[in-house]
Amino acid sequence: STAYALRVRGDSMIEDHICDGDIVIIEPAATVNDGEISVAMLDDDSVTLKRIYREGKRVRLQPANSTMKPIYSNNVRLRGRVISIMRQT
């Protein structure tokens, strides 16, 4: 499968040095390891970039921003993992 790029919107991953406007390169994957920064589609079809942790039957989507709370879901569709970050200066 072919890697693809997404532009980051928002500051939820700022403490992992992923900033608003950055481009992340995504390797498509239906499963990822706990702690990997991943693209996930939520129940409402919104897409988010977070660290993924499995906790029993649910998944915790953990932002890297101490001002934000994690998202918990029983139905997350993983779309891939971040393999590179590009920033325009």
Protein backbone atom coordinates (compact mmCIF):
# COMPACT_ATOMS: atom_id res chain seq x y z
CA SER A 1 0.00 0.00 0.00
CA THR A 2 1.10 3.54 -0.73
CA ALA A 3 1.93 6.17 1.87
CA TYR A 4 -0.05 9.40 1.76
CA ALA A 5 0.18 12.90 3.24
CA LEU A 6 -2.20 14.81 5.50
CA ARG A 7 -2.03 18.40 6.73
CA VAL A 8 -2.37 18.74 10.50
CA ARG A 9 -5.08 21.05 11.84
CA GLY A 10 -4.98 22.00 15.49
CA ASP A 11 -2.57 21.67 18.39
CA SER A 12 -3.54 18.31 19.91
CA MET A 13 -0.10 16.80 19.18
CA ILE A 14 2.05 19.86 19.95
CA GLU A 15 4.02 18.15 22.74
CA ASP A 16 5.12 15.53 20.18
CA HIS A 17 6.36 18.42 18.01
CA ILE A 18 3.54 18.03 15.49
CA CYS A 19 2.15 21.50 14.89
CA ASP A 20 -0.83 23.06 13.14
CA GLY A 21 0.00 23.21 9.42
CA ASP A 22 2.60 20.42 9.46
CA ILE A 23 2.37 17.65 6.87
CA VAL A 24 2.42 14.10 8.24
CA ILE A 25 3.27 11.12 6.04
CA ILE A 26 1.02 8.16 6.82
CA GLU A 27 1.74 4.51 6.18
CA PRO A 28 -1.63 2.79 5.72
CA ALA A 29 -2.29 0.20 8.42
CA ALA A 30 -5.44 -1.31 9.91
CA THR A 31 -3.61 -2.09 13.17
CA VAL A 32 -0.89 -0.20 15.03
CA ASN A 33 1.16 -0.78 18.16
CA ASP A 34 0.13 0.86 21.43
CA GLY A 35 1.68 4.30 21.68
CA GLU A 36 2.10 4.85 17.95
CA ILE A 37 0.89 8.14 16.50
CA SER A 38 -1.91 7.13 14.19
CA VAL A 39 -4.73 8.42 12.04
CA ALA A 40 -8.09 7.24 13.34
CA MET A 41 -11.63 7.69 12.05
CA LEU A 42 -14.25 8.13 14.76
CA ASP A 43 -17.94 7.21 14.90
CA ASP A 44 -18.97 10.58 13.45
CA ASP A 45 -16.54 10.07 10.50
CA SER A 46 -14.21 12.76 11.82
CA VAL A 47 -10.51 12.00 11.48
CA THR A 48 -7.98 12.58 14.25
CA LEU A 49 -4.25 12.18 14.80
CA LYS A 50 -3.43 10.77 18.24
CA ARG A 51 -1.39 8.15 20.10
CA ILE A 52 -3.39 4.93 20.23
CA TYR A 53 -3.72 2.73 23.32
CA ARG A 54 -5.95 -0.34 23.64
CA GLU A 55 -7.69 -0.58 27.03
CA GLY A 56 -9.85 -3.69 27.13
CA LYS A 57 -12.58 -3.38 24.51
CA ARG A 58 -12.10 0.33 24.01
CA VAL A 59 -9.36 2.47 22.51
CA ARG A 60 -7.86 5.58 24.11
CA LEU A 61 -6.84 8.28 21.64
CA GLN A 62 -4.28 10.27 23.60
CA PRO A 63 -3.43 13.84 22.57
CA ALA A 64 0.07 15.18 23.15
CA ASN A 65 -1.26 18.38 24.67
CA SER A 66 -1.65 18.59 28.44
CA THR A 67 -4.63 20.96 28.06
CA MET A 68 -6.67 18.33 26.17
CA LYS A 69 -8.41 15.18 27.39
CA PRO A 70 -8.13 11.79 25.71
CA ILE A 71 -10.92 10.45 23.51
CA TYR A 72 -12.31 7.01 24.37
CA SER A 73 -14.11 4.92 21.77
CA ASN A 74 -15.31 1.39 21.24
CA ASN A 75 -15.40 1.86 17.48
CA VAL A 76 -12.24 3.39 16.03
CA ARG A 77 -11.19 2.68 12.46
CA LEU A 78 -7.43 3.00 12.18
CA ARG A 79 -6.17 4.36 8.88
CA GLY A 80 -2.41 4.29 9.39
CA ARG A 81 0.64 5.35 11.39
CA VAL A 82 2.78 8.46 11.11
CA ILE A 83 6.15 7.66 9.54
CA SER A 84 7.39 11.20 8.89
CA ILE A 85 6.62 14.84 9.68
CA MET A 86 7.34 17.76 7.34
CA ARG A 87 7.23 21.41 8.33
CA GLN A 88 7.39 24.35 5.97
CA THR A 89 9.55 27.16 7.31
